[in-house]
Amino acid sequence: MQINAKQGKYPIFQIAYLVIVCLFTSCEASSQEETPLQTGSARFGEYLSLLEGKKVGLVVNQSSLVNGKHLVDTLLSQSVNIKSIFAPEHGFRGEAADGITVEDGLDKATGVPVWSLYGKNKKPTKEQLAALDVVLFDVQDVGTRFYTYLSTMHWVMEACAANNVPFIVLDRPNPNAGFVDGPILEMEHQSIVGMHPIPVVHGMTLGELAQMINGEGWLEDRLVCNLTVVPVSGWTRTDRYSLPVRPSPNLPNDQAVNWYPSLCFFEGTTVSIGRGTDQPFTRIGHPDFKDATFSFTPQSRQESVYPKHEGKTCYGIDLYEMQAPDRIELSYLIRYYQELSSRDLPYFKKYFTRLAGTTKLQQQIESGLSEEAIRASWTEGLEQFKNKRAAYLIYQEK
């Protein structure tokens, strides 16, 4: 903005006002520039001192990056004594397909042993932890109850608590943190895709959930883990966050990550959500919907070895260009049930109840309940959950 006092374009009080506004705006912008988003793993001053002279284990995968460099390489360059790596679903490099057992191995680049937490063991063994003084967890989550990294964190916390090993969560933003939605898990349906009595979309980071797991006594025998959370800086839960790397093989982009809370339910049905294509979790289709204009054909590939309806043309909807709503979208789930059931074709599988965490959702859809009525049935549980989680929140809304 140009200010020309000599020509009398502005009275002097206006000039003073404009100068103050410019200075304030400049300071505010400068302040914002000085606080960029930093994940917990990038905040070395908050946790490197906790690793000095310690034998360290890491729960990490391909998402565990610090300024584009893997956390393992970063810590080794800081002379941290890394004794072992624990790999969640999809493996240390994030290359294993969905549901495929991850084997133990050795990281060729560093020579560090890699122990699988998605094979015969779901948690570190007593022997593995006996060689460690501390365990760090740095894995990118997507904010849904049925994403298995949350379950892995729970089991590692449990093992650490039982063996008196401190556990440090290097927190990361939740790309679906802006809303809370879905039915609350009923504990009789507990599984790796649902460990806790929380809604499908919980609106929390893994660091916040680790505090909640401890505080609510959800570990086995009500164990309490020696927990430290290194929070993200420069982020609030209503900030949009674009993941720098895919968190798992079938969530290749932001669209898939944002549609995942709604479309994952289809994994418990006979309808495909695009596994075996280049755009999983942004499309819906079935071979019997031949009146639809959009189609895709799932094929076996590294990301999905045995995709649903492999080799068959599926007809349906492309959601790639559509913005995902800030809630679970039930309309597609209901619509496809109505389409298939009207033709006496199968729809629900047993897995659907595990994903929903309750038998009620399937019953509600089969009985013809409207989306609004189904959502209304979640209200009381969601309010109770929000009240409970308030004690464990680290990040505020803008």
Protein backbone atom coordinates (compact mmCIF):
# COMPACT_ATOMS: atom_id res chain seq x y z
CA MET A 1 0.00 0.00 0.00
CA GLN A 2 1.39 3.39 -0.97
CA ILE A 3 0.88 6.34 1.40
CA ASN A 4 1.48 9.81 -0.07
CA ALA A 5 1.38 12.39 2.76
CA LYS A 6 2.92 15.20 0.73
CA GLN A 7 0.01 15.34 -1.69
CA GLY A 8 -2.51 15.21 1.16
CA LYS A 9 -4.11 12.05 -0.15
CA TYR A 10 -4.85 10.92 3.42
CA PRO A 11 -5.29 12.98 6.61
CA ILE A 12 -2.49 12.41 9.10
CA PHE A 13 -4.65 10.32 11.50
CA GLN A 14 -5.55 8.00 8.63
CA ILE A 15 -1.88 7.62 7.77
CA ALA A 16 -1.07 6.74 11.38
CA TYR A 17 -3.90 4.23 11.47
CA LEU A 18 -2.78 2.58 8.25
CA VAL A 19 0.80 2.35 9.47
CA ILE A 20 -0.35 0.63 12.69
CA VAL A 21 -2.54 -1.81 10.73
CA CYS A 22 0.32 -2.65 8.36
CA LEU A 23 2.73 -3.21 11.23
CA PHE A 24 0.22 -5.42 13.08
CA THR A 25 -0.52 -7.47 9.96
CA SER A 26 3.17 -7.85 9.23
CA CYS A 27 3.89 -9.00 12.78
CA GLU A 28 0.99 -11.43 12.68
CA ALA A 29 2.15 -12.91 9.36
CA SER A 30 5.72 -13.11 10.66
CA SER A 31 4.47 -14.93 13.77
CA GLN A 32 2.59 -17.43 11.62
CA GLU A 33 5.67 -18.02 9.48
CA GLU A 34 7.75 -18.72 12.57
CA THR A 35 5.47 -21.56 13.72
CA PRO A 36 5.23 -24.03 10.83
CA LEU A 37 3.69 -27.42 11.41
CA GLN A 38 6.14 -29.84 12.97
CA THR A 39 5.29 -33.46 13.68
CA GLY A 40 6.38 -34.90 17.00
CA SER A 41 9.29 -36.71 15.33
CA ALA A 42 10.68 -33.40 14.01
CA ARG A 43 10.77 -31.85 17.51
CA PHE A 44 14.11 -33.34 18.54
CA GLY A 45 14.52 -31.05 21.51
CA GLU A 46 11.46 -32.66 23.09
CA TYR A 47 12.68 -36.25 23.09
CA LEU A 48 16.31 -36.86 22.05
CA SER A 49 17.44 -36.40 25.65
CA LEU A 50 15.12 -39.27 26.61
CA LEU A 51 17.08 -41.58 24.30
CA GLU A 52 20.60 -40.76 25.42
CA GLY A 53 22.47 -43.90 26.48
CA LYS A 54 19.32 -45.99 25.88
CA LYS A 55 18.66 -49.09 23.79
CA VAL A 56 15.79 -47.98 21.56
CA GLY A 57 13.02 -49.81 19.72
CA LEU A 58 10.91 -48.11 17.04
CA VAL A 59 7.38 -48.82 15.81
CA VAL A 60 7.57 -47.26 12.35
CA ASN A 61 6.65 -47.67 8.70
CA GLN A 62 7.02 -45.76 5.42
CA SER A 63 5.13 -42.76 6.88
CA SER A 64 7.73 -42.18 9.61
CA LEU A 65 9.49 -39.32 7.86
CA VAL A 66 11.28 -36.28 9.26
CA ASN A 67 11.72 -33.59 6.60
CA GLY A 68 11.63 -36.27 3.90
CA LYS A 69 14.10 -38.59 5.66
CA HIS A 70 13.09 -41.76 7.50
CA LEU A 71 13.12 -41.56 11.29
CA VAL A 72 15.41 -44.61 11.51
CA ASP A 73 18.07 -42.90 9.38
CA THR A 74 17.51 -39.60 11.17
CA LEU A 75 18.04 -41.07 14.64
CA LEU A 76 21.03 -43.16 13.55
CA SER A 77 22.64 -39.95 12.29
CA GLN A 78 22.09 -38.58 15.81
CA SER A 79 23.96 -41.61 17.26
CA VAL A 80 20.78 -43.08 18.79
CA ASN A 81 21.27 -46.76 19.61
CA ILE A 82 18.43 -48.40 17.65
CA LYS A 83 18.25 -52.08 18.57
CA SER A 84 15.03 -53.13 16.83
CA ILE A 85 12.21 -52.05 14.52
CA PHE A 86 8.59 -53.21 14.97
CA ALA A 87 6.45 -53.22 11.82
CA PRO A 88 2.63 -52.82 11.80
CA GLU A 89 0.23 -53.98 9.06
CA HIS A 90 1.70 -53.50 5.56
CA GLY A 91 5.23 -53.83 6.90
CA PHE A 92 8.18 -51.55 7.61
CA ARG A 93 8.25 -50.25 4.03
CA GLY A 94 4.45 -50.17 3.68
CA GLU A 95 4.45 -52.50 0.69
CA ALA A 96 2.50 -55.53 1.95
CA ALA A 97 -1.06 -55.84 0.65
CA ASP A 98 -4.12 -55.59 2.90
CA GLY A 99 -4.51 -58.55 5.24
CA ILE A 100 -1.21 -60.16 4.19
CA THR A 101 0.94 -61.53 7.02
CA VAL A 102 4.11 -59.50 7.59
CA GLU A 103 7.25 -61.56 8.26
CA ASP A 104 10.17 -60.83 10.57
CA GLY A 105 13.31 -59.75 8.81
CA LEU A 106 16.34 -57.48 8.69
CA ASP A 107 16.50 -53.93 7.36
CA LYS A 108 19.18 -54.26 4.68
CA ALA A 109 20.02 -50.56 4.74
CA THR A 110 20.84 -50.42 8.47
CA GLY A 111 21.17 -54.03 9.62
CA VAL A 112 18.54 -53.45 12.34
CA PRO A 113 16.23 -56.44 13.06
CA VAL A 114 12.60 -55.92 12.00
CA TRP A 115 9.97 -57.69 14.10
CA SER A 116 6.47 -58.10 12.68
CA LEU A 117 3.42 -56.97 14.66
CA TYR A 118 1.09 -58.27 11.95
CA GLY A 119 1.92 -61.95 11.92
CA LYS A 120 2.14 -64.56 14.68
CA ASN A 121 2.61 -61.76 17.22
CA LYS A 122 0.46 -58.64 17.57
CA LYS A 123 2.62 -57.18 20.32
CA PRO A 124 6.35 -57.25 21.16
CA THR A 125 7.37 -60.31 23.14
CA LYS A 126 8.91 -60.21 26.60
CA GLU A 127 12.22 -61.32 25.10
CA GLN A 128 12.18 -58.57 22.47
CA LEU A 129 11.44 -55.90 25.06
CA ALA A 130 14.09 -57.24 27.46
CA ALA A 131 16.71 -55.89 25.05
CA LEU A 132 15.22 -52.37 25.10
CA ASP A 133 15.13 -49.39 27.46
CA VAL A 134 12.48 -47.40 25.57
CA VAL A 135 10.08 -47.76 22.61
CA LEU A 136 9.15 -44.94 20.21
CA PHE A 137 5.97 -44.97 18.11
CA ASP A 138 5.81 -42.87 14.94
CA VAL A 139 3.12 -44.01 12.49
CA GLN A 140 0.65 -41.89 10.49
CA ASP A 141 -3.00 -42.63 11.31
CA VAL A 142 -6.16 -41.55 9.44
CA GLY A 143 -8.55 -41.10 12.36
CA THR A 144 -10.86 -44.11 12.16
CA ARG A 145 -11.47 -46.84 14.71
CA PHE A 146 -11.01 -49.62 12.17
CA TYR A 147 -7.58 -48.51 10.92
CA THR A 148 -5.29 -51.12 12.48
CA TYR A 149 -2.41 -48.84 13.52
CA LEU A 150 -4.46 -47.80 16.55
CA SER A 151 -4.81 -51.44 17.62
CA THR A 152 -1.08 -51.96 17.12
CA MET A 153 -0.34 -48.98 19.35
CA HIS A 154 -2.66 -50.40 22.01
CA TRP A 155 -0.88 -53.77 22.03
CA VAL A 156 2.59 -52.18 22.13
CA MET A 157 1.48 -50.02 25.06
CA GLU A 158 0.19 -53.13 26.78
CA ALA A 159 3.47 -55.00 26.27
CA CYS A 160 5.52 -52.01 27.42
CA ALA A 161 3.37 -51.60 30.53
CA ALA A 162 3.71 -55.30 31.41
CA ASN A 163 7.49 -55.14 31.02
CA ASN A 164 8.16 -51.71 32.55
CA VAL A 165 9.45 -50.19 29.32
CA PRO A 166 8.70 -46.47 28.73
CA PHE A 167 6.67 -45.72 25.60
CA ILE A 168 6.95 -42.48 23.61
CA VAL A 169 4.42 -41.42 20.96
CA LEU A 170 5.78 -38.99 18.38
CA ASP A 171 2.42 -37.56 17.41
CA ARG A 172 1.16 -36.73 13.92
CA PRO A 173 -1.91 -34.79 12.70
CA ASN A 174 -5.15 -36.62 12.06
CA PRO A 175 -6.38 -35.79 8.52
CA ASN A 176 -9.96 -36.58 9.62
CA ALA A 177 -9.82 -34.76 12.95
CA GLY A 178 -12.48 -32.19 12.11
CA PHE A 179 -15.49 -34.31 13.05
CA VAL A 180 -16.69 -37.15 15.30
CA ASP A 181 -19.22 -39.61 13.91
CA GLY A 182 -20.54 -43.15 13.79
CA PRO A 183 -21.72 -45.81 16.21
CA ILE A 184 -19.80 -46.54 19.42
CA LEU A 185 -18.08 -49.94 19.50
CA GLU A 186 -19.86 -52.54 21.65
CA MET A 187 -17.08 -54.49 23.38
CA GLU A 188 -18.50 -57.91 22.46
CA HIS A 189 -17.46 -57.03 18.89
CA GLN A 190 -13.89 -56.11 19.81
CA SER A 191 -11.28 -57.04 17.18
CA ILE A 192 -8.18 -55.67 15.46
CA VAL A 193 -10.49 -53.32 13.52
CA GLY A 194 -12.10 -52.09 16.73
CA MET A 195 -10.43 -52.25 20.14
CA HIS A 196 -12.07 -49.48 22.14
CA PRO A 197 -15.56 -48.14 22.98
CA ILE A 198 -15.17 -45.14 20.68
CA PRO A 199 -17.02 -44.05 17.52
CA VAL A 200 -15.86 -44.95 14.01
CA VAL A 201 -14.51 -41.41 13.52
CA HIS A 202 -13.07 -40.26 16.84
CA GLY A 203 -11.47 -36.91 15.91
CA MET A 204 -8.31 -37.63 17.94
CA THR A 205 -4.63 -38.13 17.19
CA LEU A 206 -2.87 -41.31 18.25
CA GLY A 207 -1.10 -39.33 20.97
CA GLU A 208 -4.43 -38.21 22.40
CA LEU A 209 -5.81 -41.75 22.12
CA ALA A 210 -2.75 -43.15 23.90
CA GLN A 211 -3.56 -40.84 26.82
CA MET A 212 -7.18 -41.97 26.71
CA ILE A 213 -6.25 -45.67 26.64
CA ASN A 214 -4.12 -45.12 29.75
CA GLY A 215 -6.59 -42.86 31.52
CA GLU A 216 -9.65 -45.05 30.92
CA GLY A 217 -7.90 -48.25 32.00
CA TRP A 218 -8.36 -49.96 28.62
CA LEU A 219 -5.12 -51.94 28.73
CA GLU A 220 -5.26 -55.56 29.83
CA ASP A 221 -5.65 -55.94 33.60
CA ARG A 222 -5.96 -52.13 33.74
CA LEU A 223 -2.22 -51.75 33.30
CA VAL A 224 -0.89 -48.21 33.01
CA CYS A 225 1.83 -47.52 30.47
CA ASN A 226 4.75 -45.18 31.25
CA LEU A 227 3.69 -42.81 28.46
CA THR A 228 5.19 -39.68 26.95
CA VAL A 229 3.50 -37.88 24.04
CA VAL A 230 5.54 -35.46 21.93
CA PRO A 231 2.81 -33.30 20.35
CA VAL A 232 2.63 -31.74 16.93
CA SER A 233 3.31 -28.00 16.89
CA GLY A 234 1.66 -25.47 14.59
CA TRP A 235 -1.52 -27.51 14.06
CA THR A 236 -5.10 -27.42 15.33
CA ARG A 237 -7.63 -30.21 14.92
CA THR A 238 -9.69 -28.21 12.41
CA ASP A 239 -6.68 -27.61 10.13
CA ARG A 240 -6.75 -29.56 6.88
CA TYR A 241 -3.71 -31.81 6.65
CA SER A 242 -2.42 -33.33 3.41
CA LEU A 243 -0.40 -36.48 4.04
CA PRO A 244 3.10 -36.31 2.51
CA VAL A 245 3.16 -40.08 1.92
CA ARG A 246 0.42 -42.70 1.61
CA PRO A 247 -0.29 -44.19 5.07
CA SER A 248 -1.10 -47.61 3.58
CA PRO A 249 -1.05 -49.09 0.06
CA ASN A 250 -4.75 -48.51 -0.70
CA LEU A 251 -4.96 -44.92 0.51
CA PRO A 252 -2.90 -43.29 -2.26
CA ASN A 253 -4.12 -39.69 -1.95
CA ASP A 254 -6.08 -37.18 0.12
CA GLN A 255 -9.35 -38.07 -1.56
CA ALA A 256 -9.03 -41.71 -0.55
CA VAL A 257 -8.05 -40.75 3.00
CA ASN A 258 -11.06 -38.43 3.34
CA TRP A 259 -13.57 -40.88 1.83
CA TYR A 260 -12.17 -43.80 3.84
CA PRO A 261 -14.40 -43.27 6.95
CA SER A 262 -17.52 -43.66 4.78
CA LEU A 263 -16.39 -46.25 2.23
CA CYS A 264 -14.63 -48.71 4.53
CA PHE A 265 -18.04 -50.07 5.56
CA PHE A 266 -18.34 -51.50 2.04
CA GLU A 267 -15.47 -53.87 2.90
CA GLY A 268 -18.11 -55.82 4.84
CA THR A 269 -20.41 -56.06 1.80
CA THR A 270 -20.32 -57.58 -1.68
CA VAL A 271 -19.71 -54.14 -3.21
CA SER A 272 -16.22 -53.07 -4.36
CA ILE A 273 -14.65 -49.77 -3.36
CA GLY A 274 -11.93 -49.98 -6.01
CA ARG A 275 -9.31 -52.22 -4.44
CA GLY A 276 -7.32 -53.62 -7.34
CA THR A 277 -7.52 -50.34 -9.29
CA ASP A 278 -5.44 -47.16 -9.33
CA GLN A 279 -8.05 -45.26 -7.30
CA PRO A 280 -9.17 -47.36 -4.32
CA PHE A 281 -11.57 -45.82 -1.80
CA THR A 282 -12.82 -43.21 -4.25
CA ARG A 283 -15.20 -45.41 -6.25
CA ILE A 284 -18.08 -47.78 -5.59
CA GLY A 285 -19.22 -50.56 -7.90
CA HIS A 286 -20.72 -54.00 -8.45
CA PRO A 287 -20.96 -56.25 -11.56
CA ASP A 288 -24.77 -56.21 -11.45
CA PHE A 289 -25.20 -52.41 -11.67
CA LYS A 290 -24.94 -52.39 -15.45
CA ASP A 291 -27.20 -49.38 -15.84
CA ALA A 292 -24.48 -47.10 -14.36
CA THR A 293 -22.29 -45.08 -16.72
CA PHE A 294 -19.08 -45.38 -14.67
CA SER A 295 -17.18 -48.68 -14.50
CA PHE A 296 -13.88 -50.18 -13.36
CA THR A 297 -12.31 -53.65 -13.35
CA PRO A 298 -10.37 -54.78 -10.26
CA GLN A 299 -7.17 -56.70 -11.00
CA SER A 300 -4.67 -58.38 -8.71
CA ARG A 301 -1.77 -56.03 -7.95
CA GLN A 302 0.77 -55.49 -5.21
CA GLU A 303 -1.61 -53.32 -3.16
CA SER A 304 -4.48 -55.86 -3.35
CA VAL A 305 -3.58 -59.41 -4.24
CA TYR A 306 -7.14 -60.75 -4.12
CA PRO A 307 -9.46 -57.80 -4.81
CA LYS A 308 -13.22 -58.21 -4.67
CA HIS A 309 -14.74 -59.05 -8.12
CA GLU A 310 -11.29 -59.55 -9.62
CA GLY A 311 -11.40 -59.44 -13.42
CA LYS A 312 -15.07 -58.43 -13.49
CA THR A 313 -16.39 -55.08 -14.67
CA CYS A 314 -17.98 -53.23 -11.78
CA TYR A 315 -20.50 -50.47 -12.47
CA GLY A 316 -21.24 -47.63 -10.10
CA ILE A 317 -20.02 -44.21 -8.94
CA ASP A 318 -16.75 -42.29 -9.21
CA LEU A 319 -16.17 -40.09 -6.15
CA TYR A 320 -12.67 -38.90 -7.02
CA GLU A 321 -13.77 -35.38 -8.00
CA MET A 322 -16.31 -35.08 -5.17
CA GLN A 323 -15.33 -33.54 -1.85
CA ALA A 324 -15.81 -35.92 1.06
CA PRO A 325 -18.32 -34.64 3.64
CA ASP A 326 -17.35 -33.82 7.23
CA ARG A 327 -19.35 -36.80 8.46
CA ILE A 328 -19.88 -40.46 7.62
CA GLU A 329 -21.87 -40.61 4.38
CA LEU A 330 -24.49 -43.37 4.74
CA SER A 331 -26.54 -42.70 1.61
CA TYR A 332 -24.39 -44.90 -0.66
CA LEU A 333 -24.38 -47.76 1.83
CA ILE A 334 -28.18 -47.64 2.05
CA ARG A 335 -28.70 -47.15 -1.69
CA TYR A 336 -26.58 -50.15 -2.68
CA TYR A 337 -28.31 -52.35 -0.12
CA GLN A 338 -31.67 -51.39 -1.59
CA GLU A 339 -30.43 -52.07 -5.13
CA LEU A 340 -29.02 -55.52 -4.38
CA SER A 341 -31.74 -56.68 -2.01
CA SER A 342 -34.41 -55.75 -4.57
CA ARG A 343 -32.75 -58.26 -6.92
CA ASP A 344 -32.38 -60.90 -4.18
CA LEU A 345 -28.60 -60.55 -4.37
CA PRO A 346 -26.38 -60.89 -1.26
CA TYR A 347 -25.05 -57.71 0.34
CA PHE A 348 -23.84 -57.93 3.94
CA LYS A 349 -20.97 -60.17 5.10
CA LYS A 350 -20.08 -61.12 8.69
CA TYR A 351 -17.18 -58.69 8.54
CA PHE A 352 -19.62 -55.77 8.40
CA THR A 353 -20.47 -56.12 12.11
CA ARG A 354 -16.78 -56.06 13.05
CA LEU A 355 -16.31 -52.81 11.11
CA ALA A 356 -19.46 -51.21 12.50
CA GLY A 357 -18.69 -52.47 16.02
CA THR A 358 -22.37 -53.24 16.52
CA THR A 359 -25.14 -55.38 15.01
CA LYS A 360 -27.50 -52.41 15.05
CA LEU A 361 -26.28 -50.68 11.89
CA GLN A 362 -26.97 -53.67 9.65
CA GLN A 363 -30.34 -54.19 11.32
CA GLN A 364 -31.23 -50.53 10.83
CA ILE A 365 -30.38 -50.61 7.13
CA GLU A 366 -32.22 -53.90 6.57
CA SER A 367 -35.32 -52.56 8.34
CA GLY A 368 -35.45 -49.56 6.00
CA LEU A 369 -34.53 -46.91 8.57
CA SER A 370 -33.66 -43.58 6.99
CA GLU A 371 -30.18 -42.08 7.13
CA GLU A 372 -31.46 -39.32 9.43
CA ALA A 373 -32.99 -41.85 11.84
CA ILE A 374 -29.79 -43.92 11.91
CA ARG A 375 -27.69 -40.85 12.59
CA ALA A 376 -30.08 -39.77 15.35
CA SER A 377 -29.50 -43.11 17.09
CA TRP A 378 -25.79 -42.22 17.44
CA THR A 379 -26.35 -38.83 19.10
CA GLU A 380 -26.36 -39.82 22.75
CA GLY A 381 -23.30 -42.05 22.44
CA LEU A 382 -21.35 -39.41 20.54
CA GLU A 383 -22.08 -36.74 23.16
CA GLN A 384 -20.98 -39.05 25.95
CA PHE A 385 -17.78 -39.85 24.06
CA LYS A 386 -17.00 -36.18 23.41
CA ASN A 387 -17.42 -35.40 27.10
CA LYS A 388 -15.11 -38.27 28.05
CA ARG A 389 -12.41 -37.47 25.48
CA ALA A 390 -12.21 -33.80 26.55
CA ALA A 391 -9.78 -34.68 29.34
CA TYR A 392 -7.29 -36.15 26.87
CA LEU A 393 -7.27 -33.60 24.06
CA ILE A 394 -3.99 -31.86 23.27
CA TYR A 395 -4.99 -29.76 20.26
CA GLN A 396 -7.75 -27.19 20.18
CA GLU A 397 -10.00 -26.00 17.39
CA LYS A 398 -9.38 -22.60 15.80
